[in-house]
Amino acid sequence: MRGAQLAGANLFDADFDHADLAGVVLSRANLSGATMLSTRLQRARLGSASLSYADLHGANLKMADLTNVDLTEADLTGAIVTPAQLARAKLCRTTMPDGSVVNPTC
């Protein structure tokens, strides 16, 4: 699925465990309840995507270069994710798992 164009797709409860989604465009996609255990998401574009209650445990969101996972305006409410996974992600007006919004004015 590397580099696939899935903007706006309804992927509710999808199972992406161990998938390679590097570079996939998932902007505005509904990924609510999806499981992404040990999924590669480097350079994925998830701006305005709904990841509410998604299980991102072990998902690889980190990058070694400056092209980061874009989570601008994404909704992570209730998602299972660790702060370390988001260390290099682009967070702008992003709703975090606890419901707080980070970087609301970027």
PDB file of N, CA and C in Angstrom:
ATOM      1  N   MET A   1       0.824  -1.199   0.000  1.00  0.00           N
ATOM      2  CA  MET A   1       0.000   0.000   0.000  1.00  0.00           C
ATOM      3  C   MET A   1       0.867   1.262   0.000  1.00  0.00           C
ATOM      4  N   ARG A   2       2.150   1.102  -0.088  1.00  0.00           N
ATOM      5  CA  ARG A   2       3.067   2.239  -0.065  1.00  0.00           C
ATOM      6  C   ARG A   2       2.664   3.289  -1.082  1.00  0.00           C
ATOM      7  N   GLY A   3       2.533   4.548  -0.615  1.00  0.00           N
ATOM      8  CA  GLY A   3       2.245   5.661  -1.500  1.00  0.00           C
ATOM      9  C   GLY A   3       0.821   5.717  -2.036  1.00  0.00           C
ATOM     10  N   ALA A   4      -0.077   4.895  -1.528  1.00  0.00           N
ATOM     11  CA  ALA A   4      -1.469   4.871  -2.006  1.00  0.00           C
ATOM     12  C   ALA A   4      -2.169   6.189  -1.697  1.00  0.00           C
ATOM     13  N   GLN A   5      -3.148   6.533  -2.503  1.00  0.00           N
ATOM     14  CA  GLN A   5      -3.952   7.744  -2.334  1.00  0.00           C
ATOM     15  C   GLN A   5      -5.307   7.338  -1.764  1.00  0.00           C
ATOM     16  N   LEU A   6      -5.479   7.498  -0.450  1.00  0.00           N
ATOM     17  CA  LEU A   6      -6.714   7.097   0.224  1.00  0.00           C
ATOM     18  C   LEU A   6      -7.363   8.274   0.941  1.00  0.00           C
ATOM     19  N   ALA A   7      -7.159   9.476   0.427  1.00  0.00           N
ATOM     20  CA  ALA A   7      -7.729  10.671   1.040  1.00  0.00           C
ATOM     21  C   ALA A   7      -9.249  10.551   1.083  1.00  0.00           C
ATOM     22  N   GLY A   8      -9.810  10.823   2.257  1.00  0.00           N
ATOM     23  CA  GLY A   8     -11.260  10.811   2.426  1.00  0.00           C
ATOM     24  C   GLY A   8     -11.885   9.430   2.514  1.00  0.00           C
ATOM     25  N   ALA A   9     -11.088   8.386   2.509  1.00  0.00           N
ATOM     26  CA  ALA A   9     -11.633   7.017   2.534  1.00  0.00           C
ATOM     27  C   ALA A   9     -12.249   6.695   3.888  1.00  0.00           C
ATOM     28  N   ASN A  10     -13.294   5.866   3.884  1.00  0.00           N
ATOM     29  CA  ASN A  10     -13.890   5.386   5.121  1.00  0.00           C
ATOM     30  C   ASN A  10     -13.270   4.040   5.452  1.00  0.00           C
ATOM     31  N   LEU A  11     -12.339   4.056   6.397  1.00  0.00           N
ATOM     32  CA  LEU A  11     -11.605   2.862   6.787  1.00  0.00           C
ATOM     33  C   LEU A  11     -11.897   2.529   8.245  1.00  0.00           C
ATOM     34  N   PHE A  12     -13.121   2.780   8.664  1.00  0.00           N
ATOM     35  CA  PHE A  12     -13.574   2.532  10.032  1.00  0.00           C
ATOM     36  C   PHE A  12     -13.295   1.085  10.420  1.00  0.00           C
ATOM     37  N   ASP A  13     -12.640   0.893  11.567  1.00  0.00           N
ATOM     38  CA  ASP A  13     -12.328  -0.433  12.110  1.00  0.00           C
ATOM     39  C   ASP A  13     -11.424  -1.277  11.208  1.00  0.00           C
ATOM     40  N   ALA A  14     -10.702  -0.668  10.295  1.00  0.00           N
ATOM     41  CA  ALA A  14      -9.810  -1.414   9.390  1.00  0.00           C
ATOM     42  C   ALA A  14      -8.652  -2.031  10.179  1.00  0.00           C
ATOM     43  N   ASP A  15      -8.137  -3.127   9.681  1.00  0.00           N
ATOM     44  CA  ASP A  15      -7.013  -3.816  10.304  1.00  0.00           C
ATOM     45  C   ASP A  15      -5.774  -3.610   9.436  1.00  0.00           C
ATOM     46  N   PHE A  16      -4.864  -2.739   9.921  1.00  0.00           N
ATOM     47  CA  PHE A  16      -3.626  -2.460   9.210  1.00  0.00           C
ATOM     48  C   PHE A  16      -2.419  -3.001   9.976  1.00  0.00           C
ATOM     49  N   ASP A  17      -2.637  -4.001  10.823  1.00  0.00           N
ATOM     50  CA  ASP A  17      -1.538  -4.563  11.612  1.00  0.00           C
ATOM     51  C   ASP A  17      -0.391  -5.002  10.704  1.00  0.00           C
ATOM     52  N   HIS A  18       0.808  -4.536  11.034  1.00  0.00           N
ATOM     53  CA  HIS A  18       2.051  -4.887  10.330  1.00  0.00           C
ATOM     54  C   HIS A  18       2.067  -4.443   8.859  1.00  0.00           C
ATOM     55  N   ALA A  19       1.199  -3.513   8.484  1.00  0.00           N
ATOM     56  CA  ALA A  19       1.156  -3.025   7.096  1.00  0.00           C
ATOM     57  C   ALA A  19       2.225  -1.959   6.875  1.00  0.00           C
ATOM     58  N   ASP A  20       2.616  -1.789   5.632  1.00  0.00           N
ATOM     59  CA  ASP A  20       3.548  -0.737   5.246  1.00  0.00           C
ATOM     60  C   ASP A  20       2.736   0.375   4.588  1.00  0.00           C
ATOM     61  N   LEU A  21       2.445   1.422   5.359  1.00  0.00           N
ATOM     62  CA  LEU A  21       1.671   2.560   4.858  1.00  0.00           C
ATOM     63  C   LEU A  21       2.563   3.796   4.692  1.00  0.00           C
ATOM     64  N   ALA A  22       3.836   3.576   4.513  1.00  0.00           N
ATOM     65  CA  ALA A  22       4.773   4.692   4.339  1.00  0.00           C
ATOM     66  C   ALA A  22       4.377   5.511   3.120  1.00  0.00           C
ATOM     67  N   GLY A  23       4.262   6.820   3.315  1.00  0.00           N
ATOM     68  CA  GLY A  23       3.944   7.722   2.220  1.00  0.00           C
ATOM     69  C   GLY A  23       2.497   7.703   1.767  1.00  0.00           C
ATOM     70  N   VAL A  24       1.641   6.960   2.442  1.00  0.00           N
ATOM     71  CA  VAL A  24       0.229   6.872   2.044  1.00  0.00           C
ATOM     72  C   VAL A  24      -0.479   8.178   2.397  1.00  0.00           C
ATOM     73  N   VAL A  25      -1.334   8.647   1.495  1.00  0.00           N
ATOM     74  CA  VAL A  25      -2.131   9.849   1.736  1.00  0.00           C
ATOM     75  C   VAL A  25      -3.464   9.404   2.328  1.00  0.00           C
ATOM     76  N   LEU A  26      -3.656   9.733   3.618  1.00  0.00           N
ATOM     77  CA  LEU A  26      -4.884   9.383   4.341  1.00  0.00           C
ATOM     78  C   LEU A  26      -5.564  10.637   4.881  1.00  0.00           C
ATOM     79  N   SER A  27      -5.308  11.777   4.256  1.00  0.00           N
ATOM     80  CA  SER A  27      -5.918  13.029   4.690  1.00  0.00           C
ATOM     81  C   SER A  27      -7.439  12.895   4.673  1.00  0.00           C
ATOM     82  N   ARG A  28      -8.058  13.381   5.727  1.00  0.00           N
ATOM     83  CA  ARG A  28      -9.525  13.378   5.880  1.00  0.00           C
ATOM     84  C   ARG A  28     -10.124  11.965   5.912  1.00  0.00           C
ATOM     85  N   ALA A  29      -9.315  10.935   6.049  1.00  0.00           N
ATOM     86  CA  ALA A  29      -9.822   9.560   6.096  1.00  0.00           C
ATOM     87  C   ALA A  29     -10.418   9.269   7.470  1.00  0.00           C
ATOM     88  N   ASN A  30     -11.403   8.387   7.495  1.00  0.00           N
ATOM     89  CA  ASN A  30     -11.981   7.933   8.754  1.00  0.00           C
ATOM     90  C   ASN A  30     -11.287   6.631   9.133  1.00  0.00           C
ATOM     91  N   LEU A  31     -10.385   6.718  10.091  1.00  0.00           N
ATOM     92  CA  LEU A  31      -9.658   5.559  10.595  1.00  0.00           C
ATOM     93  C   LEU A  31     -10.072   5.258  12.032  1.00  0.00           C
ATOM     94  N   SER A  32     -11.259   5.702  12.416  1.00  0.00           N
ATOM     95  CA  SER A  32     -11.749   5.481  13.769  1.00  0.00           C
ATOM     96  C   SER A  32     -11.806   3.987  14.058  1.00  0.00           C
ATOM     97  N   GLY A  33     -11.254   3.606  15.204  1.00  0.00           N
ATOM     98  CA  GLY A  33     -11.279   2.212  15.621  1.00  0.00           C
ATOM     99  C   GLY A  33     -10.328   1.301  14.874  1.00  0.00           C
ATOM    100  N   ALA A  34      -9.523   1.836  13.971  1.00  0.00           N
ATOM    101  CA  ALA A  34      -8.592   1.011  13.194  1.00  0.00           C
ATOM    102  C   ALA A  34      -7.485   0.466  14.096  1.00  0.00           C
ATOM    103  N   THR A  35      -6.952  -0.676  13.729  1.00  0.00           N
ATOM    104  CA  THR A  35      -5.789  -1.205  14.448  1.00  0.00           C
ATOM    105  C   THR A  35      -4.576  -1.080  13.539  1.00  0.00           C
ATOM    106  N   MET A  36      -3.510  -0.547  14.113  1.00  0.00           N
ATOM    107  CA  MET A  36      -2.285  -0.307  13.352  1.00  0.00           C
ATOM    108  C   MET A  36      -1.093  -0.770  14.169  1.00  0.00           C
ATOM    109  N   LEU A  37      -1.143  -1.983  14.665  1.00  0.00           N
ATOM    110  CA  LEU A  37      -0.065  -2.520  15.481  1.00  0.00           C
ATOM    111  C   LEU A  37       1.162  -2.757  14.611  1.00  0.00           C
ATOM    112  N   SER A  38       2.261  -2.143  14.994  1.00  0.00           N
ATOM    113  CA  SER A  38       3.537  -2.274  14.276  1.00  0.00           C
ATOM    114  C   SER A  38       3.421  -1.893  12.802  1.00  0.00           C
ATOM    115  N   THR A  39       2.599  -0.917  12.513  1.00  0.00           N
ATOM    116  CA  THR A  39       2.408  -0.430  11.145  1.00  0.00           C
ATOM    117  C   THR A  39       3.432   0.661  10.838  1.00  0.00           C
ATOM    118  N   ARG A  40       3.996   0.658   9.629  1.00  0.00           N
ATOM    119  CA  ARG A  40       4.924   1.707   9.199  1.00  0.00           C
ATOM    120  C   ARG A  40       4.115   2.871   8.636  1.00  0.00           C
ATOM    121  N   LEU A  41       4.280   4.045   9.226  1.00  0.00           N
ATOM    122  CA  LEU A  41       3.553   5.232   8.782  1.00  0.00           C
ATOM    123  C   LEU A  41       4.479   6.400   8.453  1.00  0.00           C
ATOM    124  N   GLN A  42       5.757   6.129   8.194  1.00  0.00           N
ATOM    125  CA  GLN A  42       6.674   7.220   7.879  1.00  0.00           C
ATOM    126  C   GLN A  42       6.188   7.991   6.656  1.00  0.00           C
ATOM    127  N   ARG A  43       6.271   9.310   6.775  1.00  0.00           N
ATOM    128  CA  ARG A  43       5.873  10.238   5.710  1.00  0.00           C
ATOM    129  C   ARG A  43       4.393  10.127   5.336  1.00  0.00           C
ATOM    130  N   ALA A  44       3.609   9.411   6.117  1.00  0.00           N
ATOM    131  CA  ALA A  44       2.170   9.327   5.831  1.00  0.00           C
ATOM    132  C   ALA A  44       1.529  10.687   6.059  1.00  0.00           C
ATOM    133  N   ARG A  45       0.528  10.990   5.270  1.00  0.00           N
ATOM    134  CA  ARG A  45      -0.191  12.253   5.398  1.00  0.00           C
ATOM    135  C   ARG A  45      -1.555  11.951   5.994  1.00  0.00           C
ATOM    136  N   LEU A  46      -1.714  12.335   7.275  1.00  0.00           N
ATOM    137  CA  LEU A  46      -2.925  12.032   8.033  1.00  0.00           C
ATOM    138  C   LEU A  46      -3.639  13.304   8.473  1.00  0.00           C
ATOM    139  N   GLY A  47      -3.379  14.419   7.790  1.00  0.00           N
ATOM    140  CA  GLY A  47      -4.012  15.677   8.143  1.00  0.00           C
ATOM    141  C   GLY A  47      -5.527  15.573   8.076  1.00  0.00           C
ATOM    142  N   SER A  48      -6.183  16.057   9.128  1.00  0.00           N
ATOM    143  CA  SER A  48      -7.648  16.060   9.253  1.00  0.00           C
ATOM    144  C   SER A  48      -8.252  14.657   9.257  1.00  0.00           C
ATOM    145  N   ALA A  49      -7.436  13.642   9.486  1.00  0.00           N
ATOM    146  CA  ALA A  49      -7.957  12.274   9.572  1.00  0.00           C
ATOM    147  C   ALA A  49      -8.537  12.035  10.956  1.00  0.00           C
ATOM    148  N   SER A  50      -9.537  11.172  11.034  1.00  0.00           N
ATOM    149  CA  SER A  50     -10.083  10.766  12.316  1.00  0.00           C
ATOM    150  C   SER A  50      -9.440   9.451  12.711  1.00  0.00           C
ATOM    151  N   LEU A  51      -8.663   9.498  13.779  1.00  0.00           N
ATOM    152  CA  LEU A  51      -8.017   8.312  14.320  1.00  0.00           C
ATOM    153  C   LEU A  51      -8.557   8.035  15.723  1.00  0.00           C
ATOM    154  N   SER A  52      -9.783   8.505  15.981  1.00  0.00           N
ATOM    155  CA  SER A  52     -10.341   8.327  17.313  1.00  0.00           C
ATOM    156  C   SER A  52     -10.488   6.840  17.632  1.00  0.00           C
ATOM    157  N   TYR A  53     -10.032   6.513  18.825  1.00  0.00           N
ATOM    158  CA  TYR A  53     -10.087   5.138  19.348  1.00  0.00           C
ATOM    159  C   TYR A  53      -9.327   4.132  18.480  1.00  0.00           C
ATOM    160  N   ALA A  54      -8.406   4.611  17.657  1.00  0.00           N
ATOM    161  CA  ALA A  54      -7.542   3.712  16.884  1.00  0.00           C
ATOM    162  C   ALA A  54      -6.453   3.162  17.806  1.00  0.00           C
ATOM    163  N   ASP A  55      -5.998   1.975  17.523  1.00  0.00           N
ATOM    164  CA  ASP A  55      -4.915   1.364  18.289  1.00  0.00           C
ATOM    165  C   ASP A  55      -3.634   1.487  17.482  1.00  0.00           C
ATOM    166  N   LEU A  56      -2.801   2.459  17.868  1.00  0.00           N
ATOM    167  CA  LEU A  56      -1.547   2.731  17.181  1.00  0.00           C
ATOM    168  C   LEU A  56      -0.359   2.177  17.964  1.00  0.00           C
ATOM    169  N   HIS A  57      -0.632   1.281  18.907  1.00  0.00           N
ATOM    170  CA  HIS A  57       0.426   0.723  19.746  1.00  0.00           C
ATOM    171  C   HIS A  57       1.504   0.083  18.872  1.00  0.00           C
ATOM    172  N   GLY A  58       2.706   0.595  18.987  1.00  0.00           N
ATOM    173  CA  GLY A  58       3.820   0.048  18.226  1.00  0.00           C
ATOM    174  C   GLY A  58       3.902   0.554  16.793  1.00  0.00           C
ATOM    175  N   ALA A  59       2.966   1.401  16.364  1.00  0.00           N
ATOM    176  CA  ALA A  59       3.050   1.958  15.012  1.00  0.00           C
ATOM    177  C   ALA A  59       4.302   2.817  14.903  1.00  0.00           C
ATOM    178  N   ASN A  60       4.972   2.739  13.784  1.00  0.00           N
ATOM    179  CA  ASN A  60       6.214   3.479  13.590  1.00  0.00           C
ATOM    180  C   ASN A  60       5.891   4.825  12.952  1.00  0.00           C
ATOM    181  N   LEU A  61       5.808   5.856  13.792  1.00  0.00           N
ATOM    182  CA  LEU A  61       5.496   7.209  13.340  1.00  0.00           C
ATOM    183  C   LEU A  61       6.736   8.086  13.267  1.00  0.00           C
ATOM    184  N   LYS A  62       7.866   7.578  13.685  1.00  0.00           N
ATOM    185  CA  LYS A  62       9.072   8.395  13.761  1.00  0.00           C
ATOM    186  C   LYS A  62       9.812   8.435  12.428  1.00  0.00           C
ATOM    187  N   MET A  63      10.533   9.513  12.239  1.00  0.00           N
ATOM    188  CA  MET A  63      11.306   9.690  11.009  1.00  0.00           C
ATOM    189  C   MET A  63      12.753   9.992  11.351  1.00  0.00           C
ATOM    190  N   ALA A  64      13.628   9.662  10.446  1.00  0.00           N
ATOM    191  CA  ALA A  64      15.040   9.978  10.628  1.00  0.00           C
ATOM    192  C   ALA A  64      15.407  11.276   9.919  1.00  0.00           C
ATOM    193  N   ASP A  65      14.489  11.819   9.108  1.00  0.00           N
ATOM    194  CA  ASP A  65      14.779  13.069   8.417  1.00  0.00           C
ATOM    195  C   ASP A  65      13.725  14.117   8.767  1.00  0.00           C
ATOM    196  N   LEU A  66      13.651  15.194   8.016  1.00  0.00           N
ATOM    197  CA  LEU A  66      12.746  16.289   8.346  1.00  0.00           C
ATOM    198  C   LEU A  66      11.347  16.118   7.778  1.00  0.00           C
ATOM    199  N   THR A  67      11.115  15.093   6.999  1.00  0.00           N
ATOM    200  CA  THR A  67       9.782  14.863   6.444  1.00  0.00           C
ATOM    201  C   THR A  67       9.024  13.998   7.425  1.00  0.00           C
ATOM    202  N   ASN A  68       8.167  14.589   8.215  1.00  0.00           N
ATOM    203  CA  ASN A  68       7.497  13.895   9.306  1.00  0.00           C
ATOM    204  C   ASN A  68       6.074  13.502   8.956  1.00  0.00           C
ATOM    205  N   VAL A  69       5.525  12.631   9.775  1.00  0.00           N
ATOM    206  CA  VAL A  69       4.118  12.268   9.644  1.00  0.00           C
ATOM    207  C   VAL A  69       3.290  13.514   9.916  1.00  0.00           C
ATOM    208  N   ASP A  70       2.377  13.828   9.044  1.00  0.00           N
ATOM    209  CA  ASP A  70       1.543  15.014   9.179  1.00  0.00           C
ATOM    210  C   ASP A  70       0.235  14.649   9.877  1.00  0.00           C
ATOM    211  N   LEU A  71       0.080  15.127  11.118  1.00  0.00           N
ATOM    212  CA  LEU A  71      -1.148  14.911  11.877  1.00  0.00           C
ATOM    213  C   LEU A  71      -1.873  16.241  12.113  1.00  0.00           C
ATOM    214  N   THR A  72      -1.692  17.203  11.202  1.00  0.00           N
ATOM    215  CA  THR A  72      -2.358  18.491  11.318  1.00  0.00           C
ATOM    216  C   THR A  72      -3.882  18.292  11.324  1.00  0.00           C
ATOM    217  N   GLU A  73      -4.515  18.846  12.366  1.00  0.00           N
ATOM    218  CA  GLU A  73      -5.968  18.787  12.539  1.00  0.00           C
ATOM    219  C   GLU A  73      -6.522  17.364  12.622  1.00  0.00           C
ATOM    220  N   ALA A  74      -5.658  16.392  12.903  1.00  0.00           N
ATOM    221  CA  ALA A  74      -6.124  15.012  13.079  1.00  0.00           C
ATOM    222  C   ALA A  74      -6.783  14.866  14.445  1.00  0.00           C
ATOM    223  N   ASP A  75      -7.686  13.912  14.561  1.00  0.00           N
ATOM    224  CA  ASP A  75      -8.379  13.626  15.813  1.00  0.00           C
ATOM    225  C   ASP A  75      -7.890  12.294  16.361  1.00  0.00           C
ATOM    226  N   LEU A  76      -7.155  12.357  17.474  1.00  0.00           N
ATOM    227  CA  LEU A  76      -6.625  11.161  18.124  1.00  0.00           C
ATOM    228  C   LEU A  76      -7.367  10.845  19.421  1.00  0.00           C
ATOM    229  N   THR A  77      -8.572  11.398  19.588  1.00  0.00           N
ATOM    230  CA  THR A  77      -9.338  11.193  20.813  1.00  0.00           C
ATOM    231  C   THR A  77      -9.461   9.713  21.142  1.00  0.00           C
ATOM    232  N   GLY A  78      -9.011   9.346  22.341  1.00  0.00           N
ATOM    233  CA  GLY A  78      -9.134   7.976  22.800  1.00  0.00           C
ATOM    234  C   GLY A  78      -8.202   6.983  22.123  1.00  0.00           C
ATOM    235  N   ALA A  79      -7.332   7.450  21.231  1.00  0.00           N
ATOM    236  CA  ALA A  79      -6.418   6.550  20.519  1.00  0.00           C
ATOM    237  C   ALA A  79      -5.362   6.006  21.478  1.00  0.00           C
ATOM    238  N   ILE A  80      -4.897   4.805  21.199  1.00  0.00           N
ATOM    239  CA  ILE A  80      -3.823   4.201  21.979  1.00  0.00           C
ATOM    240  C   ILE A  80      -2.517   4.532  21.271  1.00  0.00           C
ATOM    241  N   VAL A  81      -1.780   5.473  21.855  1.00  0.00           N
ATOM    242  CA  VAL A  81      -0.531   5.943  21.259  1.00  0.00           C
ATOM    243  C   VAL A  81       0.358   6.461  22.383  1.00  0.00           C
ATOM    244  N   THR A  82       1.658   6.291  22.250  1.00  0.00           N
ATOM    245  CA  THR A  82       2.570   6.787  23.275  1.00  0.00           C
ATOM    246  C   THR A  82       3.168   8.119  22.824  1.00  0.00           C
ATOM    247  N   PRO A  83       3.516   8.979  23.772  1.00  0.00           N
ATOM    248  CA  PRO A  83       4.144  10.256  23.404  1.00  0.00           C
ATOM    249  C   PRO A  83       5.402  10.070  22.557  1.00  0.00           C
ATOM    250  N   ALA A  84       6.170   9.023  22.821  1.00  0.00           N
ATOM    251  CA  ALA A  84       7.396   8.792  22.053  1.00  0.00           C
ATOM    252  C   ALA A  84       7.099   8.556  20.580  1.00  0.00           C
ATOM    253  N   GLN A  85       5.971   7.930  20.286  1.00  0.00           N
ATOM    254  CA  GLN A  85       5.622   7.682  18.888  1.00  0.00           C
ATOM    255  C   GLN A  85       5.363   8.988  18.144  1.00  0.00           C
ATOM    256  N   LEU A  86       4.920  10.007  18.851  1.00  0.00           N
ATOM    257  CA  LEU A  86       4.567  11.280  18.228  1.00  0.00           C
ATOM    258  C   LEU A  86       5.705  12.294  18.285  1.00  0.00           C
ATOM    259  N   ALA A  87       6.873  11.875  18.750  1.00  0.00           N
ATOM    260  CA  ALA A  87       7.982  12.801  18.989  1.00  0.00           C
ATOM    261  C   ALA A  87       8.352  13.634  17.774  1.00  0.00           C
ATOM    262  N   ARG A  88       8.282  13.098  16.578  1.00  0.00           N
ATOM    263  CA  ARG A  88       8.673  13.845  15.380  1.00  0.00           C
ATOM    264  C   ARG A  88       7.504  14.077  14.433  1.00  0.00           C
ATOM    265  N   ALA A  89       6.302  13.810  14.892  1.00  0.00           N
ATOM    266  CA  ALA A  89       5.122  14.040  14.053  1.00  0.00           C
ATOM    267  C   ALA A  89       4.787  15.529  14.017  1.00  0.00           C
ATOM    268  N   LYS A  90       4.180  15.965  12.934  1.00  0.00           N
ATOM    269  CA  LYS A  90       3.737  17.355  12.821  1.00  0.00           C
ATOM    270  C   LYS A  90       2.376  17.456  13.501  1.00  0.00           C
ATOM    271  N   LEU A  91       2.344  18.155  14.628  1.00  0.00           N
ATOM    272  CA  LEU A  91       1.128  18.315  15.417  1.00  0.00           C
ATOM    273  C   LEU A  91       0.702  19.769  15.381  1.00  0.00           C
ATOM    274  N   CYS A  92      -0.343  20.055  14.673  1.00  0.00           N
ATOM    275  CA  CYS A  92      -0.861  21.414  14.537  1.00  0.00           C
ATOM    276  C   CYS A  92      -2.392  21.335  14.609  1.00  0.00           C
ATOM    277  N   ARG A  93      -2.957  21.940  15.649  1.00  0.00           N
ATOM    278  CA  ARG A  93      -4.407  21.851  15.881  1.00  0.00           C
ATOM    279  C   ARG A  93      -4.853  20.378  15.932  1.00  0.00           C
ATOM    280  N   THR A  94      -4.004  19.549  16.530  1.00  0.00           N
ATOM    281  CA  THR A  94      -4.249  18.117  16.623  1.00  0.00           C
ATOM    282  C   THR A  94      -4.929  17.809  17.951  1.00  0.00           C
ATOM    283  N   THR A  95      -6.021  17.048  17.901  1.00  0.00           N
ATOM    284  CA  THR A  95      -6.705  16.623  19.115  1.00  0.00           C
ATOM    285  C   THR A  95      -6.024  15.360  19.623  1.00  0.00           C
ATOM    286  N   MET A  96      -5.488  15.453  20.835  1.00  0.00           N
ATOM    287  CA  MET A  96      -4.725  14.362  21.430  1.00  0.00           C
ATOM    288  C   MET A  96      -5.657  13.332  22.069  1.00  0.00           C
ATOM    289  N   PRO A  97      -5.121  12.154  22.444  1.00  0.00           N
ATOM    290  CA  PRO A  97      -5.959  11.103  23.032  1.00  0.00           C
ATOM    291  C   PRO A  97      -6.790  11.551  24.234  1.00  0.00           C
ATOM    292  N   ASP A  98      -6.270  12.498  25.013  1.00  0.00           N
ATOM    293  CA  ASP A  98      -7.011  12.981  26.198  1.00  0.00           C
ATOM    294  C   ASP A  98      -8.030  14.066  25.844  1.00  0.00           C
ATOM    295  N   GLY A  99      -8.153  14.418  24.573  1.00  0.00           N
ATOM    296  CA  GLY A  99      -9.114  15.437  24.147  1.00  0.00           C
ATOM    297  C   GLY A  99      -8.537  16.841  24.054  1.00  0.00           C
ATOM    298  N   SER A 100      -7.326  17.049  24.547  1.00  0.00           N
ATOM    299  CA  SER A 100      -6.706  18.367  24.456  1.00  0.00           C
ATOM    300  C   SER A 100      -6.238  18.626  23.026  1.00  0.00           C
ATOM    301  N   VAL A 101      -6.170  19.899  22.665  1.00  0.00           N
ATOM    302  CA  VAL A 101      -5.710  20.290  21.335  1.00  0.00           C
ATOM    303  C   VAL A 101      -4.329  20.918  21.487  1.00  0.00           C
ATOM    304  N   VAL A 102      -3.360  20.389  20.734  1.00  0.00           N
ATOM    305  CA  VAL A 102      -2.002  20.933  20.809  1.00  0.00           C
ATOM    306  C   VAL A 102      -1.749  21.873  19.634  1.00  0.00           C
ATOM    307  N   ASN A 103      -0.935  22.893  19.906  1.00  0.00           N
ATOM    308  CA  ASN A 103      -0.561  23.890  18.912  1.00  0.00           C
ATOM    309  C   ASN A 103      -1.786  24.478  18.194  1.00  0.00           C
ATOM    310  N   PRO A 104      -2.723  25.043  18.958  1.00  0.00           N
ATOM    311  CA  PRO A 104      -3.967  25.527  18.349  1.00  0.00           C
ATOM    312  C   PRO A 104      -3.818  26.730  17.428  1.00  0.00           C
ATOM    313  N   THR A 105      -2.674  27.406  17.468  1.00  0.00           N
ATOM    314  CA  THR A 105      -2.518  28.617  16.648  1.00  0.00           C
ATOM    315  C   THR A 105      -1.457  28.490  15.579  1.00  0.00           C
ATOM    316  N   CYS A 106      -1.025  27.302  15.272  1.00  0.00           N
ATOM    317  CA  CYS A 106       0.059  27.169  14.279  1.00  0.00           C
ATOM    318  C   CYS A 106      -0.478  27.302  12.860  1.00  0.00           C
TER     319      CYS A 106
END
